[in-house]
C-alpha atoms as a PDB file:
ATOM      1  CA  MET A   1      17.365  -1.918   4.800  1.00  0.00           C
ATOM      2  CA  THR A   2      20.565  -0.586   4.732  1.00  0.00           C
ATOM      3  CA  SER A   3      21.790   2.136   6.943  1.00  0.00           C
ATOM      4  CA  GLN A   4      21.643   4.477   4.236  1.00  0.00           C
ATOM      5  CA  GLN A   5      18.191   3.754   3.099  1.00  0.00           C
ATOM      6  CA  PRO A   6      16.037   5.503   6.087  1.00  0.00           C
ATOM      7  CA  ILE A   7      17.954   8.663   4.745  1.00  0.00           C
ATOM      8  CA  THR A   8      17.181   8.016   1.367  1.00  0.00           C
ATOM      9  CA  ILE A   9      13.517   7.355   1.713  1.00  0.00           C
ATOM     10  CA  PHE A  10      13.277  10.289   4.217  1.00  0.00           C
ATOM     11  CA  SER A  11      15.058  12.884   1.937  1.00  0.00           C
ATOM     12  CA  SER A  12      12.981  11.451  -1.285  1.00  0.00           C
ATOM     13  CA  GLY A  13       9.920  11.971   0.762  1.00  0.00           C
ATOM     14  CA  PHE A  14      10.980  15.631   2.013  1.00  0.00           C
ATOM     15  CA  ALA A  15      11.929  16.556  -1.683  1.00  0.00           C
ATOM     16  CA  VAL A  16       8.081  15.570  -2.880  1.00  0.00           C
ATOM     17  CA  GLY A  17       6.620  17.179  -0.082  1.00  0.00           C
ATOM     18  CA  THR A  18       8.458  20.409  -0.454  1.00  0.00           C
ATOM     19  CA  LEU A  19       7.936  20.249  -4.542  1.00  0.00           C
ATOM     20  CA  GLY A  20       4.172  20.027  -3.864  1.00  0.00           C
ATOM     21  CA  GLY A  21       4.129  22.449  -0.961  1.00  0.00           C
ATOM     22  CA  LEU A  22       5.709  24.946  -3.307  1.00  0.00           C
ATOM     23  CA  ILE A  23       2.718  24.974  -5.394  1.00  0.00           C
ATOM     24  CA  GLY A  24      -0.146  24.122  -2.924  1.00  0.00           C
ATOM     25  CA  LEU A  25      -0.515  20.513  -3.676  1.00  0.00           C
ATOM     26  CA  GLY A  26       0.615  17.530  -1.801  1.00  0.00           C
ATOM     27  CA  GLY A  27       3.133  16.247  -4.404  1.00  0.00           C
ATOM     28  CA  ALA A  28       2.041  12.589  -4.803  1.00  0.00           C
ATOM     29  CA  GLU A  29       2.429  12.898  -8.310  1.00  0.00           C
ATOM     30  CA  PHE A  30       6.023  12.922  -8.143  1.00  0.00           C
ATOM     31  CA  ARG A  31       6.383  10.438  -5.369  1.00  0.00           C
ATOM     32  CA  LEU A  32       4.700   7.733  -7.568  1.00  0.00           C
ATOM     33  CA  PRO A  33       7.605   7.632 -10.060  1.00  0.00           C
ATOM     34  CA  LEU A  34      10.112   7.466  -7.263  1.00  0.00           C
ATOM     35  CA  LEU A  35       8.535   4.535  -5.538  1.00  0.00           C
ATOM     36  CA  ILE A  36       8.499   2.773  -9.006  1.00  0.00           C
ATOM     37  CA  GLY A  37      11.806   3.978 -10.344  1.00  0.00           C
ATOM     38  CA  LEU A  38      14.237   4.403  -7.453  1.00  0.00           C
ATOM     39  CA  PHE A  39      12.664   1.953  -4.720  1.00  0.00           C
ATOM     40  CA  GLY A  40      11.576  -0.718  -7.229  1.00  0.00           C
ATOM     41  CA  PHE A  41       8.010  -1.362  -6.095  1.00  0.00           C
ATOM     42  CA  ASP A  42       5.751  -2.851  -8.879  1.00  0.00           C
ATOM     43  CA  ALA A  43       2.954  -0.579 -10.395  1.00  0.00           C
ATOM     44  CA  LEU A  44       0.045  -1.833  -7.779  1.00  0.00           C
ATOM     45  CA  SER A  45       2.373  -1.723  -4.699  1.00  0.00           C
ATOM     46  CA  ALA A  46       3.497   1.726  -5.530  1.00  0.00           C
ATOM     47  CA  VAL A  47       0.144   3.214  -6.024  1.00  0.00           C
ATOM     48  CA  ILE A  48      -1.226   1.555  -2.676  1.00  0.00           C
ATOM     49  CA  LEU A  49       1.886   3.027  -0.918  1.00  0.00           C
ATOM     50  CA  ASN A  50       1.324   6.308  -2.458  1.00  0.00           C
ATOM     51  CA  LYS A  51      -2.444   6.400  -1.474  1.00  0.00           C
ATOM     52  CA  ALA A  52      -1.502   5.665   2.185  1.00  0.00           C
ATOM     53  CA  ILE A  53       1.350   8.352   2.173  1.00  0.00           C
ATOM     54  CA  SER A  54      -1.063  10.848   0.583  1.00  0.00           C
ATOM     55  CA  LEU A  55      -3.850   9.861   2.798  1.00  0.00           C
ATOM     56  CA  VAL A  56      -1.459  11.088   5.844  1.00  0.00           C
ATOM     57  CA  VAL A  57      -0.374  14.433   4.110  1.00  0.00           C
ATOM     58  CA  VAL A  58      -3.751  15.181   2.927  1.00  0.00           C
ATOM     59  CA  ALA A  59      -5.506  14.755   6.698  1.00  0.00           C
ATOM     60  CA  SER A  60      -2.605  16.995   8.042  1.00  0.00           C
ATOM     61  CA  SER A  61      -2.917  19.639   5.433  1.00  0.00           C
ATOM     62  CA  LEU A  62      -6.673  20.466   6.031  1.00  0.00           C
ATOM     63  CA  PRO A  63      -5.972  21.705   9.585  1.00  0.00           C
ATOM     64  CA  PHE A  64      -3.067  23.923   8.304  1.00  0.00           C
ATOM     65  CA  ARG A  65      -5.146  25.708   6.088  1.00  0.00           C
ATOM     66  CA  MET A  66      -7.597  26.552   8.633  1.00  0.00           C
ATOM     67  CA  GLY A  67      -5.443  29.719   9.550  1.00  0.00           C
ATOM     68  CA  ALA A  68      -5.740  31.059   5.873  1.00  0.00           C
ATOM     69  CA  VAL A  69      -9.174  30.018   5.019  1.00  0.00           C
ATOM     70  CA  PRO A  70     -11.942  29.639   8.018  1.00  0.00           C
ATOM     71  CA  PHE A  71     -13.986  26.431   8.401  1.00  0.00           C
ATOM     72  CA  ALA A  72     -16.906  28.520   8.065  1.00  0.00           C
ATOM     73  CA  SER A  73     -15.997  29.535   4.581  1.00  0.00           C
ATOM     74  CA  ILE A  74     -15.458  25.891   3.592  1.00  0.00           C
ATOM     75  CA  LEU A  75     -18.926  24.958   5.046  1.00  0.00           C
ATOM     76  CA  GLU A  76     -20.746  28.074   3.183  1.00  0.00           C
ATOM     77  CA  ARG A  77     -19.702  26.242  -0.323  1.00  0.00           C
ATOM     78  CA  TRP A  78     -20.988  22.304   1.011  1.00  0.00           C
ATOM     79  CA  ASP A  79     -22.652  22.372  -2.322  1.00  0.00           C
ATOM     80  CA  VAL A  80     -19.300  22.099  -4.252  1.00  0.00           C
ATOM     81  CA  ILE A  81     -18.242  19.201  -1.789  1.00  0.00           C
ATOM     82  CA  VAL A  82     -21.421  17.257  -1.973  1.00  0.00           C
ATOM     83  CA  THR A  83     -21.571  17.608  -5.698  1.00  0.00           C
ATOM     84  CA  ILE A  84     -18.138  16.301  -6.653  1.00  0.00           C
ATOM     85  CA  LEU A  85     -18.214  13.797  -3.756  1.00  0.00           C
ATOM     86  CA  ALA A  86     -21.078  12.265  -5.157  1.00  0.00           C
ATOM     87  CA  GLY A  87     -19.119  11.230  -8.080  1.00  0.00           C
ATOM     88  CA  SER A  88     -15.479  11.175  -6.723  1.00  0.00           C
ATOM     89  CA  LEU A  89     -16.609   8.551  -4.230  1.00  0.00           C
ATOM     90  CA  ALA A  90     -17.778   6.168  -6.702  1.00  0.00           C
ATOM     91  CA  GLY A  91     -14.975   6.864  -9.051  1.00  0.00           C
ATOM     92  CA  ALA A  92     -12.622   6.489  -6.085  1.00  0.00           C
ATOM     93  CA  TRP A  93     -14.203   2.548  -5.560  1.00  0.00           C
ATOM     94  CA  TYR A  94     -14.047   1.720  -9.084  1.00  0.00           C
ATOM     95  CA  GLY A  95     -10.552   3.235 -10.046  1.00  0.00           C
ATOM     96  CA  ALA A  96      -9.189   1.041  -6.987  1.00  0.00           C
ATOM     97  CA  GLY A  97     -10.794  -2.155  -8.084  1.00  0.00           C
ATOM     98  CA  LEU A  98      -9.759  -1.742 -11.502  1.00  0.00           C
ATOM     99  CA  ALA A  99      -6.220  -1.372 -10.542  1.00  0.00           C
ATOM    100  CA  THR A 100      -6.343  -4.557  -8.810  1.00  0.00           C
ATOM    101  CA  LYS A 101      -7.509  -6.258 -11.724  1.00  0.00           C
ATOM    102  CA  LEU A 102      -5.224  -4.735 -14.619  1.00  0.00           C
ATOM    103  CA  LYS A 103      -2.057  -6.396 -15.683  1.00  0.00           C
ATOM    104  CA  SER A 104       0.906  -4.961 -14.484  1.00  0.00           C
ATOM    105  CA  LYS A 105       2.333  -3.880 -17.588  1.00  0.00           C
ATOM    106  CA  THR A 106      -1.225  -2.103 -18.519  1.00  0.00           C
ATOM    107  CA  LEU A 107      -1.107  -0.514 -15.035  1.00  0.00           C
ATOM    108  CA  TYR A 108       2.254   0.899 -15.747  1.00  0.00           C
ATOM    109  CA  ARG A 109       1.291   2.590 -18.985  1.00  0.00           C
ATOM    110  CA  ILE A 110      -2.062   3.703 -17.839  1.00  0.00           C
ATOM    111  CA  LEU A 111      -0.028   5.556 -14.883  1.00  0.00           C
ATOM    112  CA  ALA A 112       2.526   6.829 -17.569  1.00  0.00           C
ATOM    113  CA  ILE A 113      -0.294   8.409 -19.414  1.00  0.00           C
ATOM    114  CA  LEU A 114      -2.027   9.850 -16.462  1.00  0.00           C
ATOM    115  CA  LEU A 115       1.313  11.334 -15.256  1.00  0.00           C
ATOM    116  CA  LEU A 116       1.752  12.938 -18.782  1.00  0.00           C
ATOM    117  CA  LEU A 117      -2.095  14.492 -18.232  1.00  0.00           C
ATOM    118  CA  ILE A 118      -1.415  15.780 -14.663  1.00  0.00           C
ATOM    119  CA  ALA A 119       1.721  17.571 -16.293  1.00  0.00           C
ATOM    120  CA  VAL A 120      -0.647  19.372 -18.894  1.00  0.00           C
ATOM    121  CA  ALA A 121      -3.237  19.974 -16.135  1.00  0.00           C
ATOM    122  CA  LEU A 122      -0.348  21.635 -13.779  1.00  0.00           C
ATOM    123  CA  LEU A 123       0.680  23.976 -16.807  1.00  0.00           C
ATOM    124  CA  TYR A 124      -2.420  24.934 -17.910  1.00  0.00           C
ATOM    125  CA  GLY A 125      -4.889  24.527 -14.787  1.00  0.00           C
ATOM    126  CA  HIS A 126      -3.061  25.896 -11.743  1.00  0.00           C
ATOM    127  CA  GLU A 127      -3.174  29.472 -12.602  1.00  0.00           C
ATOM    128  CA  SER A 128      -6.876  29.033 -13.310  1.00  0.00           C
ATOM    129  CA  SER A 129      -8.602  32.546 -12.918  1.00  0.00           C
ATOM    130  CA  SER A 130     -12.538  32.580 -11.803  1.00  0.00           C
ATOM    131  CA  SER A 131     -15.060  35.184 -12.700  1.00  0.00           C
ATOM    132  CA  ASN A 132     -16.985  34.199  -9.615  1.00  0.00           C
ATOM    133  CA  THR A 133     -19.729  32.985 -12.031  1.00  0.00           C
ATOM    134  CA  PRO A 134     -20.173  29.287 -12.174  1.00  0.00           C
ATOM    135  CA  LEU A 135     -19.970  27.952 -15.695  1.00  0.00           C
ATOM    136  CA  LEU A 136     -23.330  26.178 -15.792  1.00  0.00           C
ATOM    137  CA  MET A 137     -26.481  26.603 -13.458  1.00  0.00           C
ATOM    138  CA  GLY A 138     -28.797  24.357 -11.507  1.00  0.00           C
ATOM    139  CA  VAL A 139     -29.181  20.691 -12.695  1.00  0.00           C
ATOM    140  CA  SER A 140     -26.370  21.054 -15.444  1.00  0.00           C
ATOM    141  CA  LEU A 141     -23.909  22.273 -13.001  1.00  0.00           C
ATOM    142  CA  ALA A 142     -24.813  19.630 -10.659  1.00  0.00           C
ATOM    143  CA  ILE A 143     -24.546  17.021 -13.285  1.00  0.00           C
ATOM    144  CA  ALA A 144     -21.391  18.159 -14.719  1.00  0.00           C
ATOM    145  CA  GLY A 145     -19.754  18.227 -11.111  1.00  0.00           C
ATOM    146  CA  VAL A 146     -20.979  14.580 -10.261  1.00  0.00           C
ATOM    147  CA  ILE A 147     -19.510  13.393 -13.806  1.00  0.00           C
ATOM    148  CA  VAL A 148     -15.890  15.289 -13.484  1.00  0.00           C
ATOM    149  CA  GLY A 149     -15.890  14.009  -9.960  1.00  0.00           C
ATOM    150  CA  PHE A 150     -16.045  10.428 -10.911  1.00  0.00           C
ATOM    151  CA  GLY A 151     -13.349  11.243 -13.311  1.00  0.00           C
ATOM    152  CA  ILE A 152     -11.183  12.527 -10.748  1.00  0.00           C
ATOM    153  CA  GLY A 153     -11.901   9.725  -8.455  1.00  0.00           C
ATOM    154  CA  VAL A 154     -10.818   7.235 -10.899  1.00  0.00           C
ATOM    155  CA  VAL A 155      -7.629   8.925 -11.732  1.00  0.00           C
ATOM    156  CA  ALA A 156      -6.876   9.682  -7.615  1.00  0.00           C
ATOM    157  CA  ALA A 157      -7.030   5.962  -7.077  1.00  0.00           C
ATOM    158  CA  LEU A 158      -5.396   4.708 -10.144  1.00  0.00           C
ATOM    159  CA  MET A 159      -2.426   6.702  -9.078  1.00  0.00           C
ATOM    160  CA  GLY A 160      -2.638   6.906  -5.377  1.00  0.00           C
ATOM    161  CA  VAL A 161      -2.992  10.787  -5.371  1.00  0.00           C
ATOM    162  CA  ALA A 162      -5.233  13.339  -3.553  1.00  0.00           C
ATOM    163  CA  GLY A 163      -6.009  14.831  -7.100  1.00  0.00           C
ATOM    164  CA  GLY A 164      -5.622  18.530  -6.098  1.00  0.00           C
ATOM    165  CA  GLU A 165      -4.253  19.290  -9.484  1.00  0.00           C
ATOM    166  CA  LEU A 166      -7.588  18.267 -11.193  1.00  0.00           C
ATOM    167  CA  LEU A 167      -9.795  19.023  -8.410  1.00  0.00           C
ATOM    168  CA  ILE A 168      -8.714  22.819  -8.045  1.00  0.00           C
ATOM    169  CA  PRO A 169      -9.176  24.182 -11.541  1.00  0.00           C
ATOM    170  CA  THR A 170     -12.322  22.287 -11.758  1.00  0.00           C
ATOM    171  CA  ILE A 171     -13.708  23.828  -8.809  1.00  0.00           C
ATOM    172  CA  VAL A 172     -12.655  27.422 -10.132  1.00  0.00           C
ATOM    173  CA  LEU A 173     -13.736  27.008 -13.338  1.00  0.00           C
ATOM    174  CA  LEU A 174     -16.720  24.970 -13.305  1.00  0.00           C
ATOM    175  CA  PHE A 175     -18.267  26.447  -9.859  1.00  0.00           C
ATOM    176  CA  GLY A 176     -16.696  30.072  -9.920  1.00  0.00           C
ATOM    177  CA  VAL A 177     -14.752  29.910  -6.546  1.00  0.00           C
ATOM    178  CA  ASP A 178     -11.793  31.842  -5.655  1.00  0.00           C
ATOM    179  CA  ILE A 179      -8.650  29.896  -5.905  1.00  0.00           C
ATOM    180  CA  LYS A 180      -7.620  30.075  -2.332  1.00  0.00           C
ATOM    181  CA  LEU A 181     -11.016  28.762  -1.049  1.00  0.00           C
ATOM    182  CA  ALA A 182     -10.738  26.256  -3.988  1.00  0.00           C
ATOM    183  CA  GLY A 183      -7.580  24.671  -2.373  1.00  0.00           C
ATOM    184  CA  SER A 184      -9.249  24.062   0.872  1.00  0.00           C
ATOM    185  CA  LEU A 185     -12.566  22.736  -0.754  1.00  0.00           C
ATOM    186  CA  SER A 186     -10.591  20.354  -2.733  1.00  0.00           C
ATOM    187  CA  LEU A 187      -8.731  19.060   0.377  1.00  0.00           C
ATOM    188  CA  ALA A 188     -12.281  18.343   1.981  1.00  0.00           C
ATOM    189  CA  VAL A 189     -13.204  16.413  -1.178  1.00  0.00           C
ATOM    190  CA  SER A 190      -9.726  14.352  -1.391  1.00  0.00           C
ATOM    191  CA  LEU A 191     -10.065  13.167   2.353  1.00  0.00           C
ATOM    192  CA  PRO A 192     -13.030  10.979   1.832  1.00  0.00           C
ATOM    193  CA  THR A 193     -12.644  10.144  -1.609  1.00  0.00           C
ATOM    194  CA  MET A 194      -9.100   8.885  -0.794  1.00  0.00           C
ATOM    195  CA  ILE A 195     -10.405   6.816   2.151  1.00  0.00           C
ATOM    196  CA  VAL A 196     -13.207   5.154  -0.065  1.00  0.00           C
ATOM    197  CA  GLY A 197     -10.020   4.290  -2.633  1.00  0.00           C
ATOM    198  CA  PHE A 198      -7.935   3.152   0.416  1.00  0.00           C
ATOM    199  CA  THR A 199     -11.039   0.864   1.674  1.00  0.00           C
ATOM    200  CA  ARG A 200     -11.301  -0.701  -1.642  1.00  0.00           C
ATOM    201  CA  TYR A 201      -7.522  -1.663  -1.997  1.00  0.00           C
ATOM    202  CA  SER A 202      -7.499  -2.784   1.593  1.00  0.00           C
ATOM    203  CA  GLN A 203      -9.625  -5.888   0.096  1.00  0.00           C
ATOM    204  CA  ASP A 204      -7.080  -6.909  -2.365  1.00  0.00           C
ATOM    205  CA  LYS A 205      -4.148  -9.425  -1.414  1.00  0.00           C
ATOM    206  CA  SER A 206      -1.875  -6.640  -2.500  1.00  0.00           C
ATOM    207  CA  PHE A 207      -2.665  -4.345   0.363  1.00  0.00           C
ATOM    208  CA  SER A 208      -0.384  -6.514   2.944  1.00  0.00           C
ATOM    209  CA  ILE A 209       2.432  -4.274   1.409  1.00  0.00           C
ATOM    210  CA  ILE A 210       1.272  -1.723   3.920  1.00  0.00           C
ATOM    211  CA  LYS A 211       2.242  -4.051   6.558  1.00  0.00           C
ATOM    212  CA  ALA A 212       5.459  -5.276   5.059  1.00  0.00           C
ATOM    213  CA  LYS A 213       6.568  -1.853   4.624  1.00  0.00           C
ATOM    214  CA  LYS A 214       5.135  -0.085   7.605  1.00  0.00           C
ATOM    215  CA  SER A 215       8.671   1.701   8.554  1.00  0.00           C
ATOM    216  CA  PHE A 216       9.264   2.631   5.011  1.00  0.00           C
ATOM    217  CA  LEU A 217       5.794   4.306   4.746  1.00  0.00           C
ATOM    218  CA  LEU A 218       5.999   6.185   8.076  1.00  0.00           C
ATOM    219  CA  MET A 219       9.470   7.456   7.132  1.00  0.00           C
ATOM    220  CA  MET A 220       8.594   8.691   3.883  1.00  0.00           C
ATOM    221  CA  ALA A 221       5.228  10.127   5.228  1.00  0.00           C
ATOM    222  CA  ALA A 222       7.303  11.869   7.830  1.00  0.00           C
ATOM    223  CA  GLY A 223       9.575  13.432   4.992  1.00  0.00           C
ATOM    224  CA  SER A 224       6.441  14.412   3.095  1.00  0.00           C
ATOM    225  CA  LEU A 225       4.769  16.182   5.815  1.00  0.00           C
ATOM    226  CA  LEU A 226       7.958  18.209   6.849  1.00  0.00           C
ATOM    227  CA  GLY A 227       8.654  18.681   3.064  1.00  0.00           C
ATOM    228  CA  ALA A 228       4.981  19.760   2.694  1.00  0.00           C
ATOM    229  CA  PHE A 229       5.293  22.257   5.596  1.00  0.00           C
ATOM    230  CA  ILE A 230       8.275  23.846   4.384  1.00  0.00           C
ATOM    231  CA  GLY A 231       7.232  24.105   0.867  1.00  0.00           C
ATOM    232  CA  GLY A 232       4.072  25.903   1.992  1.00  0.00           C
ATOM    233  CA  ARG A 233       6.132  28.629   3.916  1.00  0.00           C
ATOM    234  CA  LEU A 234       8.088  29.016   0.472  1.00  0.00           C
ATOM    235  CA  LEU A 235       4.888  29.222  -1.508  1.00  0.00           C
ATOM    236  CA  GLY A 236       5.361  32.206  -3.780  1.00  0.00           C
ATOM    237  CA  VAL A 237       9.282  32.576  -3.246  1.00  0.00           C
ATOM    238  CA  ILE A 238      10.070  30.929  -6.525  1.00  0.00           C
ATOM    239  CA  PRO A 239       7.965  32.476  -9.211  1.00  0.00           C
ATOM    240  CA  VAL A 240       5.488  30.177 -10.466  1.00  0.00           C
ATOM    241  CA  SER A 241       5.764  30.922 -14.351  1.00  0.00           C
ATOM    242  CA  LEU A 242       9.286  29.380 -13.636  1.00  0.00           C
ATOM    243  CA  LEU A 243       8.257  26.638 -11.201  1.00  0.00           C
ATOM    244  CA  LEU A 244       5.562  24.934 -12.798  1.00  0.00           C
ATOM    245  CA  PRO A 245       7.405  24.509 -16.369  1.00  0.00           C
ATOM    246  CA  ILE A 246      10.245  22.316 -14.420  1.00  0.00           C
ATOM    247  CA  LEU A 247       7.855  20.430 -12.557  1.00  0.00           C
ATOM    248  CA  ALA A 248       5.953  19.596 -15.812  1.00  0.00           C
ATOM    249  CA  VAL A 249       9.040  18.335 -17.566  1.00  0.00           C
ATOM    250  CA  ILE A 250      10.017  16.325 -14.473  1.00  0.00           C
ATOM    251  CA  LEU A 251       6.555  14.597 -14.973  1.00  0.00           C
ATOM    252  CA  VAL A 252       6.950  14.040 -18.538  1.00  0.00           C
ATOM    253  CA  VAL A 253      10.374  12.428 -17.982  1.00  0.00           C
ATOM    254  CA  SER A 254       8.746  10.187 -15.138  1.00  0.00           C
ATOM    255  CA  SER A 255       6.128   9.439 -17.483  1.00  0.00           C
ATOM    256  CA  ILE A 256       8.688   8.173 -20.160  1.00  0.00           C
ATOM    257  CA  LYS A 257      10.222   6.044 -17.391  1.00  0.00           C
ATOM    258  CA  VAL A 258       7.375   4.673 -16.025  1.00  0.00           C
ATOM    259  CA  TRP A 259       6.114   3.580 -19.618  1.00  0.00           C
ATOM    260  CA  ARG A 260       9.647   1.843 -20.269  1.00  0.00           C
ATOM    261  CA  HIS A 261       9.560   0.345 -17.087  1.00  0.00           C
ATOM    262  CA  SER A 262       6.664  -1.764 -18.165  1.00  0.00           C
END
């Protein structure tokens, strides 16, 4: 590692964290292409490192939000958390196991497609509005929540992300929850989901990348945390109508580069 690399690693993490903070997310979707394209990690190593950094960022973000959304308000919607977790935990285990079995070329292409889908979700799901009325009721709502949760768990494990860009619109539209509360609920779902995915990855030999690149991981995580904090303070300064299309374009370009990387 040259003397310039720690600065590059920290500044890259900072940029990713700031981008995520500006829209109320962790930014792992933007970190993944950097790990592959800029730092040259293979697909699976990049996903595992991204998962580790995302876990640190998410674990730190939930307490930060307590000032804006009281813990009691989160507990009141325990039904949302339990329903989605019932699917996402299984999805995370399955997704992580799948990632370790896929050929590198196949994983690159899956990641490219998922980056493209995240760009779409960012554009059309981030500003979801709620009527405070669940889309479904009773057993139908529970079944839908588990199924969607499973899908989100798979995607989060495959990409090493928290999945907030998918969880927030799901919670808002499916359960009729206010978007501010949905952000905290998504973190409450993301943390255990990520832990399950991380645990599954730890059973694969590729997990040794965590120990081998411990300094890299810590530097990137530190930059991401600082960026997320500053980005969160700047939330709303840049109009969302301007910011989201720019971020979506970044993800589309990243998707193309990751596909070609395969």
